[in-house]
């Protein structure tokens, strides 16, 4: 039994999350796909940091899902979202448990 395309997409975003969280000082715990699925089923939120275009192509089905792009596609190439942390803080509480 294979892993669905949405879960593969999830793993792509996981690497970006690790970079973001490491720089913010937040605790990062790496889990495999099945453990991530179990966390989502137990009530964790899902923060998808991919571009809006990537999100539209497919994403994990979760009860609490947020798409806050870390990067934007522009004619000049990808640029960091200057409001990323502000947007995350406005939608998520510090004590929220998230799979990213």
C-alpha atoms as a PDB file:
ATOM      1  CA  UNK A   1       0.000   0.000   0.000  1.00  0.00           C
ATOM      2  CA  UNK A   2       1.591   3.284  -1.099  1.00  0.00           C
ATOM      3  CA  UNK A   3       1.509   6.715   0.409  1.00  0.00           C
ATOM      4  CA  UNK A   4      -0.909   9.153  -1.254  1.00  0.00           C
ATOM      5  CA  UNK A   5       0.269  12.113  -3.333  1.00  0.00           C
ATOM      6  CA  UNK A   6      -1.022  14.517  -0.683  1.00  0.00           C
ATOM      7  CA  UNK A   7       1.236  12.958   1.927  1.00  0.00           C
ATOM      8  CA  UNK A   8       4.221  13.210  -0.388  1.00  0.00           C
ATOM      9  CA  UNK A   9       3.371  16.885  -0.836  1.00  0.00           C
ATOM     10  CA  UNK A  10       3.207  17.176   2.939  1.00  0.00           C
ATOM     11  CA  UNK A  11       6.753  15.879   3.251  1.00  0.00           C
ATOM     12  CA  UNK A  12       8.027  18.517   0.840  1.00  0.00           C
ATOM     13  CA  UNK A  13       6.675  21.229   3.107  1.00  0.00           C
ATOM     14  CA  UNK A  14       8.132  19.560   6.184  1.00  0.00           C
ATOM     15  CA  UNK A  15      11.663  20.478   5.195  1.00  0.00           C
ATOM     16  CA  UNK A  16      10.729  24.138   4.907  1.00  0.00           C
ATOM     17  CA  UNK A  17       9.069  23.996   8.312  1.00  0.00           C
ATOM     18  CA  UNK A  18      12.210  22.633   9.885  1.00  0.00           C
ATOM     19  CA  UNK A  19      14.159  25.596   8.554  1.00  0.00           C
ATOM     20  CA  UNK A  20      11.558  28.069   9.814  1.00  0.00           C
ATOM     21  CA  UNK A  21      11.198  26.576  13.284  1.00  0.00           C
ATOM     22  CA  UNK A  22      14.907  26.077  13.836  1.00  0.00           C
ATOM     23  CA  UNK A  23      15.444  29.774  13.243  1.00  0.00           C
ATOM     24  CA  UNK A  24      12.592  30.768  15.594  1.00  0.00           C
ATOM     25  CA  UNK A  25      13.777  28.655  18.535  1.00  0.00           C
ATOM     26  CA  UNK A  26      10.568  26.578  18.581  1.00  0.00           C
ATOM     27  CA  UNK A  27      10.786  22.905  19.451  1.00  0.00           C
ATOM     28  CA  UNK A  28      10.746  20.791  16.312  1.00  0.00           C
ATOM     29  CA  UNK A  29       9.905  17.116  16.420  1.00  0.00           C
ATOM     30  CA  UNK A  30      10.316  15.152  13.222  1.00  0.00           C
ATOM     31  CA  UNK A  31       7.801  12.363  12.663  1.00  0.00           C
ATOM     32  CA  UNK A  32       7.105  10.010   9.794  1.00  0.00           C
ATOM     33  CA  UNK A  33       4.051  10.272   7.554  1.00  0.00           C
ATOM     34  CA  UNK A  34       1.947   7.780   9.493  1.00  0.00           C
ATOM     35  CA  UNK A  35       2.653   9.518  12.816  1.00  0.00           C
ATOM     36  CA  UNK A  36       1.786  12.873  11.217  1.00  0.00           C
ATOM     37  CA  UNK A  37      -1.507  11.429   9.993  1.00  0.00           C
ATOM     38  CA  UNK A  38      -2.271  10.164  13.501  1.00  0.00           C
ATOM     39  CA  UNK A  39      -1.503  13.586  14.974  1.00  0.00           C
ATOM     40  CA  UNK A  40      -3.895  15.249  12.533  1.00  0.00           C
ATOM     41  CA  UNK A  41      -6.586  12.705  13.361  1.00  0.00           C
ATOM     42  CA  UNK A  42      -6.105  13.413  17.078  1.00  0.00           C
ATOM     43  CA  UNK A  43      -6.802  17.136  16.649  1.00  0.00           C
ATOM     44  CA  UNK A  44      -3.501  18.760  15.676  1.00  0.00           C
ATOM     45  CA  UNK A  45      -3.768  21.606  13.197  1.00  0.00           C
ATOM     46  CA  UNK A  46      -1.994  21.525   9.850  1.00  0.00           C
ATOM     47  CA  UNK A  47       0.059  24.488   8.671  1.00  0.00           C
ATOM     48  CA  UNK A  48       0.860  24.260   4.972  1.00  0.00           C
ATOM     49  CA  UNK A  49       3.665  26.715   4.148  1.00  0.00           C
ATOM     50  CA  UNK A  50       3.775  26.092   0.402  1.00  0.00           C
ATOM     51  CA  UNK A  51       2.758  28.677  -2.182  1.00  0.00           C
ATOM     52  CA  UNK A  52      -0.930  29.175  -2.920  1.00  0.00           C
ATOM     53  CA  UNK A  53      -0.388  27.559  -6.327  1.00  0.00           C
ATOM     54  CA  UNK A  54       1.163  24.442  -4.763  1.00  0.00           C
ATOM     55  CA  UNK A  55      -1.627  24.284  -2.168  1.00  0.00           C
ATOM     56  CA  UNK A  56      -4.270  24.383  -4.920  1.00  0.00           C
ATOM     57  CA  UNK A  57      -2.588  21.410  -6.640  1.00  0.00           C
ATOM     58  CA  UNK A  58      -3.347  19.250  -3.608  1.00  0.00           C
ATOM     59  CA  UNK A  59      -3.039  19.207   0.134  1.00  0.00           C
ATOM     60  CA  UNK A  60      -3.607  17.061   3.177  1.00  0.00           C
ATOM     61  CA  UNK A  61      -7.212  16.663   4.281  1.00  0.00           C
ATOM     62  CA  UNK A  62      -7.316  17.949   7.862  1.00  0.00           C
ATOM     63  CA  UNK A  63     -10.000  19.442  10.099  1.00  0.00           C
ATOM     64  CA  UNK A  64      -7.888  22.501  10.966  1.00  0.00           C
ATOM     65  CA  UNK A  65      -5.781  23.510   7.981  1.00  0.00           C
ATOM     66  CA  UNK A  66      -4.051  26.813   7.301  1.00  0.00           C
ATOM     67  CA  UNK A  67      -2.205  27.761   4.126  1.00  0.00           C
ATOM     68  CA  UNK A  68       0.251  30.520   4.959  1.00  0.00           C
ATOM     69  CA  UNK A  69       2.881  30.645   2.233  1.00  0.00           C
ATOM     70  CA  UNK A  70       6.451  31.135   3.392  1.00  0.00           C
ATOM     71  CA  UNK A  71       7.397  32.119  -0.149  1.00  0.00           C
ATOM     72  CA  UNK A  72       5.544  33.859  -2.975  1.00  0.00           C
ATOM     73  CA  UNK A  73       6.032  33.294  -6.700  1.00  0.00           C
ATOM     74  CA  UNK A  74       6.739  36.585  -8.446  1.00  0.00           C
ATOM     75  CA  UNK A  75       7.887  37.455 -11.984  1.00  0.00           C
ATOM     76  CA  UNK A  76      11.369  37.937 -10.492  1.00  0.00           C
ATOM     77  CA  UNK A  77      11.314  34.516  -8.802  1.00  0.00           C
ATOM     78  CA  UNK A  78      10.433  33.334  -5.301  1.00  0.00           C
ATOM     79  CA  UNK A  79      10.525  35.852  -2.473  1.00  0.00           C
ATOM     80  CA  UNK A  80       9.963  35.385   1.254  1.00  0.00           C
ATOM     81  CA  UNK A  81       6.572  36.346   2.632  1.00  0.00           C
ATOM     82  CA  UNK A  82       7.385  39.397   4.801  1.00  0.00           C
ATOM     83  CA  UNK A  83       4.205  38.864   6.843  1.00  0.00           C
ATOM     84  CA  UNK A  84       4.644  35.122   7.393  1.00  0.00           C
ATOM     85  CA  UNK A  85       5.213  35.159  11.164  1.00  0.00           C
ATOM     86  CA  UNK A  86       2.622  37.900  11.702  1.00  0.00           C
ATOM     87  CA  UNK A  87       0.016  35.828   9.830  1.00  0.00           C
ATOM     88  CA  UNK A  88       0.916  32.622  11.714  1.00  0.00           C
ATOM     89  CA  UNK A  89       0.648  34.456  15.041  1.00  0.00           C
ATOM     90  CA  UNK A  90      -2.738  35.899  14.058  1.00  0.00           C
ATOM     91  CA  UNK A  91      -4.193  32.469  13.221  1.00  0.00           C
ATOM     92  CA  UNK A  92      -2.399  30.201  15.697  1.00  0.00           C
ATOM     93  CA  UNK A  93      -1.905  30.438  19.426  1.00  0.00           C
ATOM     94  CA  UNK A  94       1.505  29.736  20.908  1.00  0.00           C
ATOM     95  CA  UNK A  95       0.178  26.627  22.647  1.00  0.00           C
ATOM     96  CA  UNK A  96      -1.442  25.213  19.464  1.00  0.00           C
ATOM     97  CA  UNK A  97      -0.031  21.913  18.306  1.00  0.00           C
ATOM     98  CA  UNK A  98       0.714  21.927  14.611  1.00  0.00           C
ATOM     99  CA  UNK A  99       1.936  19.590  11.946  1.00  0.00           C
ATOM    100  CA  UNK A 100       3.725  21.628   9.308  1.00  0.00           C
END
